[in-house]
Amino acid sequence: MESGMSERKMSEAQVAAFCLSLPGAREDYKWGGIRVFSVAENKMFAVLDLAGAGLSFKVADELFLGYCDRPGIRPAPYLARARWVSMAPPYPMGRDELCEVLQRSHQLVVRRLPKRLQVGLVM
């Protein structure tokens, strides 16, 4: 049994590839070189700074303060009021947990879309 496999850290390229693997996800570059992952044309679920400054994503309202209490995770600048958190690489989560929270962020955004736009995006 290999120990620590789920605790491996993800690189920025792996995070981007995972985000793009989610249903209906697309990538845009905005604000001078920020990678923005969104669904339904413009509904962001993750933001990755190309300069290595960090990864930001949406969390459920009831989990926001708990994430912000964890070492290496803080409220995301400009997006904290919408319950987004931010972390700098190396990310303070293993691969499995990070994939789970990114998938959850995607689904939080999808569930706020009109029902007609949710088709094929709900996991």
N, C-alpha and C. Protein backbone atom coordinates (compact mmCIF):
# COMPACT_ATOMS: atom_id res chain seq x y z
N MET A 1 0.85 -1.18 0.00
CA MET A 1 0.00 0.00 0.00
C MET A 1 0.89 1.24 0.00
N GLU A 2 0.63 2.12 -0.93
CA GLU A 2 1.44 3.32 -1.04
C GLU A 2 0.88 4.37 -0.11
N SER A 3 1.67 4.82 0.83
CA SER A 3 1.19 5.85 1.76
C SER A 3 1.41 7.22 1.16
N GLY A 4 0.49 8.11 1.47
CA GLY A 4 0.62 9.49 1.03
C GLY A 4 0.20 9.76 -0.40
N MET A 5 -0.30 8.76 -1.12
CA MET A 5 -0.68 9.00 -2.51
C MET A 5 -1.73 10.09 -2.64
N SER A 6 -2.72 10.09 -1.74
CA SER A 6 -3.77 11.11 -1.84
C SER A 6 -3.27 12.45 -1.34
N GLU A 7 -2.10 12.47 -0.68
CA GLU A 7 -1.58 13.71 -0.13
C GLU A 7 -0.62 14.43 -1.08
N ARG A 8 -0.35 13.84 -2.24
CA ARG A 8 0.50 14.52 -3.21
C ARG A 8 -0.10 15.87 -3.56
N LYS A 9 0.76 16.83 -3.77
CA LYS A 9 0.32 18.17 -4.12
C LYS A 9 0.11 18.28 -5.62
N MET A 10 -0.82 19.13 -6.01
CA MET A 10 -1.08 19.35 -7.44
C MET A 10 -0.33 20.58 -7.91
N SER A 11 0.15 20.52 -9.14
CA SER A 11 0.78 21.68 -9.76
C SER A 11 -0.30 22.57 -10.37
N GLU A 12 0.07 23.76 -10.78
CA GLU A 12 -0.89 24.65 -11.43
C GLU A 12 -1.43 24.01 -12.71
N ALA A 13 -0.56 23.32 -13.46
CA ALA A 13 -1.01 22.67 -14.70
C ALA A 13 -2.02 21.56 -14.41
N GLN A 14 -1.80 20.82 -13.34
CA GLN A 14 -2.75 19.76 -12.96
C GLN A 14 -4.08 20.35 -12.50
N VAL A 15 -4.03 21.45 -11.76
CA VAL A 15 -5.25 22.12 -11.34
C VAL A 15 -6.04 22.58 -12.56
N ALA A 16 -5.35 23.20 -13.51
CA ALA A 16 -6.01 23.69 -14.72
C ALA A 16 -6.63 22.53 -15.50
N ALA A 17 -5.89 21.45 -15.65
CA ALA A 17 -6.42 20.29 -16.39
C ALA A 17 -7.65 19.72 -15.68
N PHE A 18 -7.62 19.65 -14.36
CA PHE A 18 -8.77 19.13 -13.63
C PHE A 18 -9.98 20.05 -13.82
N CYS A 19 -9.78 21.35 -13.67
CA CYS A 19 -10.89 22.30 -13.85
C CYS A 19 -11.52 22.15 -15.23
N LEU A 20 -10.69 22.01 -16.25
CA LEU A 20 -11.20 21.89 -17.61
C LEU A 20 -11.88 20.55 -17.87
N SER A 21 -11.63 19.56 -17.01
CA SER A 21 -12.28 18.26 -17.18
C SER A 21 -13.71 18.24 -16.63
N LEU A 22 -14.09 19.26 -15.89
CA LEU A 22 -15.44 19.32 -15.31
C LEU A 22 -16.46 19.68 -16.39
N PRO A 23 -17.69 19.18 -16.28
CA PRO A 23 -18.70 19.38 -17.33
C PRO A 23 -18.93 20.87 -17.66
N GLY A 24 -18.79 21.19 -18.94
CA GLY A 24 -19.08 22.54 -19.43
C GLY A 24 -18.04 23.58 -19.08
N ALA A 25 -16.93 23.18 -18.49
CA ALA A 25 -15.91 24.15 -18.06
C ALA A 25 -15.17 24.72 -19.26
N ARG A 26 -14.85 25.99 -19.15
CA ARG A 26 -14.03 26.66 -20.15
C ARG A 26 -13.03 27.55 -19.45
N GLU A 27 -12.03 27.98 -20.19
CA GLU A 27 -10.96 28.79 -19.63
C GLU A 27 -10.82 30.08 -20.43
N ASP A 28 -10.64 31.17 -19.71
CA ASP A 28 -10.38 32.47 -20.32
C ASP A 28 -9.21 33.10 -19.58
N TYR A 29 -8.55 34.03 -20.23
CA TYR A 29 -7.50 34.81 -19.59
C TYR A 29 -8.04 36.22 -19.42
N LYS A 30 -8.02 36.70 -18.17
CA LYS A 30 -8.57 38.02 -17.88
C LYS A 30 -7.61 38.78 -16.97
N TRP A 31 -7.86 40.04 -16.85
CA TRP A 31 -7.17 40.90 -15.87
C TRP A 31 -5.66 40.78 -15.94
N GLY A 32 -5.11 40.81 -17.13
CA GLY A 32 -3.66 40.81 -17.29
C GLY A 32 -2.98 39.50 -16.98
N GLY A 33 -3.57 38.39 -17.35
CA GLY A 33 -2.90 37.10 -17.21
C GLY A 33 -3.40 36.21 -16.10
N ILE A 34 -4.66 36.33 -15.76
CA ILE A 34 -5.27 35.45 -14.76
C ILE A 34 -6.10 34.41 -15.52
N ARG A 35 -5.91 33.14 -15.17
CA ARG A 35 -6.70 32.07 -15.79
C ARG A 35 -8.00 31.94 -15.03
N VAL A 36 -9.10 32.08 -15.74
CA VAL A 36 -10.42 32.02 -15.13
C VAL A 36 -11.16 30.81 -15.69
N PHE A 37 -11.63 29.95 -14.81
CA PHE A 37 -12.39 28.77 -15.20
C PHE A 37 -13.85 29.03 -14.88
N SER A 38 -14.71 28.83 -15.88
CA SER A 38 -16.12 29.17 -15.70
C SER A 38 -17.01 28.18 -16.43
N VAL A 39 -18.31 28.28 -16.14
CA VAL A 39 -19.34 27.52 -16.82
C VAL A 39 -20.38 28.51 -17.32
N ALA A 40 -21.18 28.08 -18.27
CA ALA A 40 -22.25 28.92 -18.83
C ALA A 40 -21.72 30.28 -19.26
N GLU A 41 -20.63 30.26 -19.99
CA GLU A 41 -19.99 31.44 -20.57
C GLU A 41 -19.21 32.29 -19.58
N ASN A 42 -19.81 32.68 -18.44
CA ASN A 42 -19.10 33.64 -17.59
C ASN A 42 -19.27 33.44 -16.10
N LYS A 43 -19.72 32.29 -15.66
CA LYS A 43 -19.91 32.06 -14.22
C LYS A 43 -18.68 31.36 -13.66
N MET A 44 -17.81 32.12 -13.02
CA MET A 44 -16.52 31.63 -12.54
C MET A 44 -16.69 30.63 -11.40
N PHE A 45 -15.84 29.58 -11.42
CA PHE A 45 -15.78 28.68 -10.28
C PHE A 45 -14.35 28.52 -9.75
N ALA A 46 -13.35 28.95 -10.51
CA ALA A 46 -11.97 28.91 -10.04
C ALA A 46 -11.15 29.95 -10.80
N VAL A 47 -10.13 30.48 -10.13
CA VAL A 47 -9.24 31.48 -10.71
C VAL A 47 -7.82 31.08 -10.34
N LEU A 48 -6.94 31.06 -11.35
CA LEU A 48 -5.56 30.64 -11.15
C LEU A 48 -4.64 31.74 -11.67
N ASP A 49 -3.83 32.28 -10.79
CA ASP A 49 -2.92 33.37 -11.15
C ASP A 49 -1.68 32.78 -11.82
N LEU A 50 -1.40 33.22 -13.03
CA LEU A 50 -0.26 32.70 -13.79
C LEU A 50 1.08 33.02 -13.15
N ALA A 51 1.12 34.06 -12.33
CA ALA A 51 2.39 34.44 -11.69
C ALA A 51 2.66 33.57 -10.46
N GLY A 52 1.83 32.58 -10.22
CA GLY A 52 2.04 31.69 -9.09
C GLY A 52 1.54 32.25 -7.77
N ALA A 53 0.75 33.31 -7.85
CA ALA A 53 0.27 33.95 -6.62
C ALA A 53 -0.85 33.16 -5.96
N GLY A 54 -1.48 32.25 -6.69
CA GLY A 54 -2.46 31.44 -6.00
C GLY A 54 -3.62 30.95 -6.81
N LEU A 55 -4.44 30.18 -6.11
CA LEU A 55 -5.65 29.59 -6.64
C LEU A 55 -6.80 30.05 -5.76
N SER A 56 -7.89 30.46 -6.37
CA SER A 56 -9.08 30.88 -5.63
C SER A 56 -10.27 30.11 -6.16
N PHE A 57 -11.22 29.81 -5.27
CA PHE A 57 -12.43 29.10 -5.67
C PHE A 57 -13.53 29.35 -4.65
N LYS A 58 -14.76 29.07 -5.07
CA LYS A 58 -15.93 29.28 -4.23
C LYS A 58 -16.13 28.10 -3.29
N VAL A 59 -16.57 28.40 -2.06
CA VAL A 59 -16.93 27.35 -1.10
C VAL A 59 -18.33 27.63 -0.59
N ALA A 60 -18.95 26.62 -0.02
CA ALA A 60 -20.29 26.78 0.55
C ALA A 60 -20.23 27.79 1.70
N ASP A 61 -21.28 28.57 1.82
CA ASP A 61 -21.34 29.61 2.86
C ASP A 61 -20.97 29.07 4.23
N GLU A 62 -21.54 27.91 4.59
CA GLU A 62 -21.35 27.36 5.93
C GLU A 62 -19.93 26.82 6.16
N LEU A 63 -19.15 26.65 5.10
CA LEU A 63 -17.78 26.13 5.23
C LEU A 63 -16.71 27.22 5.13
N PHE A 64 -17.11 28.42 4.74
CA PHE A 64 -16.17 29.50 4.46
C PHE A 64 -15.24 29.79 5.64
N LEU A 65 -15.79 30.02 6.81
CA LEU A 65 -14.95 30.38 7.96
C LEU A 65 -14.04 29.23 8.37
N GLY A 66 -14.51 28.01 8.25
CA GLY A 66 -13.68 26.85 8.58
C GLY A 66 -12.48 26.75 7.66
N TYR A 67 -12.67 26.99 6.38
CA TYR A 67 -11.53 26.98 5.45
C TYR A 67 -10.57 28.11 5.78
N CYS A 68 -11.10 29.28 6.08
CA CYS A 68 -10.23 30.43 6.37
C CYS A 68 -9.42 30.25 7.64
N ASP A 69 -9.87 29.37 8.53
CA ASP A 69 -9.12 29.07 9.76
C ASP A 69 -7.97 28.10 9.51
N ARG A 70 -7.93 27.47 8.37
CA ARG A 70 -6.87 26.50 8.08
C ARG A 70 -5.60 27.22 7.64
N PRO A 71 -4.45 26.71 8.06
CA PRO A 71 -3.18 27.33 7.63
C PRO A 71 -3.04 27.31 6.11
N GLY A 72 -2.62 28.43 5.57
CA GLY A 72 -2.38 28.53 4.13
C GLY A 72 -3.60 28.88 3.30
N ILE A 73 -4.76 29.03 3.93
CA ILE A 73 -5.99 29.38 3.21
C ILE A 73 -6.52 30.68 3.79
N ARG A 74 -6.91 31.59 2.91
CA ARG A 74 -7.43 32.88 3.37
C ARG A 74 -8.59 33.32 2.51
N PRO A 75 -9.34 34.31 2.96
CA PRO A 75 -10.41 34.84 2.10
C PRO A 75 -9.79 35.38 0.81
N ALA A 76 -10.42 35.12 -0.30
CA ALA A 76 -9.89 35.58 -1.59
C ALA A 76 -10.09 37.08 -1.75
N PRO A 77 -9.04 37.80 -2.13
CA PRO A 77 -9.19 39.23 -2.37
C PRO A 77 -10.28 39.51 -3.40
N TYR A 78 -11.11 40.47 -3.13
CA TYR A 78 -12.20 40.93 -4.00
C TYR A 78 -13.37 39.95 -4.10
N LEU A 79 -13.18 38.70 -3.68
CA LEU A 79 -14.25 37.71 -3.84
C LEU A 79 -14.70 37.10 -2.51
N ALA A 80 -14.14 37.54 -1.41
CA ALA A 80 -14.47 36.94 -0.11
C ALA A 80 -15.95 37.11 0.23
N ARG A 81 -16.55 38.22 -0.14
CA ARG A 81 -17.96 38.41 0.21
C ARG A 81 -18.87 37.41 -0.52
N ALA A 82 -18.36 36.83 -1.62
CA ALA A 82 -19.09 35.79 -2.34
C ALA A 82 -18.66 34.39 -1.87
N ARG A 83 -17.92 34.35 -0.76
CA ARG A 83 -17.47 33.10 -0.13
C ARG A 83 -16.46 32.35 -1.00
N TRP A 84 -15.43 33.08 -1.43
CA TRP A 84 -14.32 32.48 -2.14
C TRP A 84 -13.10 32.47 -1.22
N VAL A 85 -12.29 31.42 -1.34
CA VAL A 85 -11.05 31.33 -0.58
C VAL A 85 -9.87 31.30 -1.56
N SER A 86 -8.69 31.56 -1.02
CA SER A 86 -7.49 31.62 -1.84
C SER A 86 -6.35 30.90 -1.12
N MET A 87 -5.47 30.30 -1.91
CA MET A 87 -4.28 29.64 -1.36
C MET A 87 -3.14 29.77 -2.36
N ALA A 88 -1.94 29.88 -1.81
CA ALA A 88 -0.75 29.98 -2.66
C ALA A 88 -0.10 28.61 -2.79
N PRO A 89 0.59 28.37 -3.91
CA PRO A 89 1.31 27.10 -4.05
C PRO A 89 2.54 27.09 -3.14
N PRO A 90 2.96 25.93 -2.66
CA PRO A 90 2.29 24.64 -2.83
C PRO A 90 0.99 24.63 -2.02
N TYR A 91 -0.06 24.17 -2.65
CA TYR A 91 -1.39 24.23 -2.03
C TYR A 91 -1.44 23.38 -0.76
N PRO A 92 -2.09 23.91 0.29
CA PRO A 92 -2.13 23.21 1.58
C PRO A 92 -3.15 22.07 1.63
N MET A 93 -3.46 21.49 0.48
CA MET A 93 -4.37 20.35 0.39
C MET A 93 -3.74 19.31 -0.51
N GLY A 94 -3.99 18.05 -0.21
CA GLY A 94 -3.56 16.98 -1.09
C GLY A 94 -4.42 16.95 -2.34
N ARG A 95 -3.99 16.18 -3.30
CA ARG A 95 -4.68 16.07 -4.60
C ARG A 95 -6.16 15.73 -4.45
N ASP A 96 -6.49 14.72 -3.67
CA ASP A 96 -7.89 14.28 -3.55
C ASP A 96 -8.78 15.38 -2.99
N GLU A 97 -8.32 16.02 -1.90
CA GLU A 97 -9.13 17.08 -1.30
C GLU A 97 -9.27 18.27 -2.23
N LEU A 98 -8.20 18.64 -2.90
CA LEU A 98 -8.26 19.79 -3.79
C LEU A 98 -9.20 19.52 -4.97
N CYS A 99 -9.14 18.33 -5.54
CA CYS A 99 -10.07 17.98 -6.62
C CYS A 99 -11.52 18.04 -6.11
N GLU A 100 -11.73 17.55 -4.90
CA GLU A 100 -13.08 17.56 -4.33
C GLU A 100 -13.61 18.98 -4.14
N VAL A 101 -12.77 19.89 -3.62
CA VAL A 101 -13.27 21.25 -3.39
C VAL A 101 -13.45 22.00 -4.71
N LEU A 102 -12.63 21.72 -5.71
CA LEU A 102 -12.82 22.35 -7.01
C LEU A 102 -14.10 21.84 -7.68
N GLN A 103 -14.36 20.55 -7.55
CA GLN A 103 -15.59 20.00 -8.10
C GLN A 103 -16.80 20.59 -7.37
N ARG A 104 -16.69 20.73 -6.06
CA ARG A 104 -17.78 21.32 -5.27
C ARG A 104 -18.00 22.78 -5.68
N SER A 105 -16.93 23.52 -5.92
CA SER A 105 -17.05 24.91 -6.38
C SER A 105 -17.80 24.97 -7.71
N HIS A 106 -17.41 24.09 -8.62
CA HIS A 106 -18.08 24.00 -9.92
C HIS A 106 -19.58 23.76 -9.73
N GLN A 107 -19.92 22.80 -8.87
CA GLN A 107 -21.33 22.47 -8.67
C GLN A 107 -22.10 23.57 -7.93
N LEU A 108 -21.46 24.30 -7.02
CA LEU A 108 -22.11 25.44 -6.37
C LEU A 108 -22.53 26.48 -7.41
N VAL A 109 -21.64 26.72 -8.37
CA VAL A 109 -21.93 27.69 -9.42
C VAL A 109 -23.00 27.15 -10.37
N VAL A 110 -22.90 25.89 -10.75
CA VAL A 110 -23.89 25.28 -11.66
C VAL A 110 -25.29 25.34 -11.05
N ARG A 111 -25.39 25.05 -9.77
CA ARG A 111 -26.72 25.02 -9.13
C ARG A 111 -27.37 26.39 -9.04
N ARG A 112 -26.61 27.45 -9.23
CA ARG A 112 -27.18 28.80 -9.22
C ARG A 112 -27.62 29.25 -10.62
N LEU A 113 -27.32 28.44 -11.62
CA LEU A 113 -27.72 28.76 -12.98
C LEU A 113 -29.21 28.49 -13.16
N PRO A 114 -29.84 29.13 -14.14
CA PRO A 114 -31.22 28.76 -14.47
C PRO A 114 -31.27 27.28 -14.85
N LYS A 115 -32.37 26.63 -14.55
CA LYS A 115 -32.51 25.18 -14.79
C LYS A 115 -32.15 24.80 -16.23
N ARG A 116 -32.54 25.61 -17.19
CA ARG A 116 -32.28 25.28 -18.60
C ARG A 116 -30.80 25.24 -18.92
N LEU A 117 -29.98 25.99 -18.16
CA LEU A 117 -28.53 25.99 -18.37
C LEU A 117 -27.81 24.90 -17.59
N GLN A 118 -28.50 24.28 -16.63
CA GLN A 118 -27.89 23.24 -15.81
C GLN A 118 -27.80 21.89 -16.52
N VAL A 119 -28.56 21.72 -17.60
CA VAL A 119 -28.60 20.44 -18.30
C VAL A 119 -27.19 20.03 -18.71
N GLY A 120 -26.79 18.84 -18.31
CA GLY A 120 -25.49 18.29 -18.67
C GLY A 120 -24.35 18.78 -17.79
N LEU A 121 -24.61 19.69 -16.84
CA LEU A 121 -23.56 20.23 -16.00
C LEU A 121 -23.60 19.70 -14.58
N VAL A 122 -24.74 19.19 -14.15
CA VAL A 122 -24.90 18.70 -12.78
C VAL A 122 -24.25 17.33 -12.67
N MET A 123 -23.46 17.16 -11.64
CA MET A 123 -22.76 15.87 -11.44
C MET A 123 -23.44 15.07 -10.37
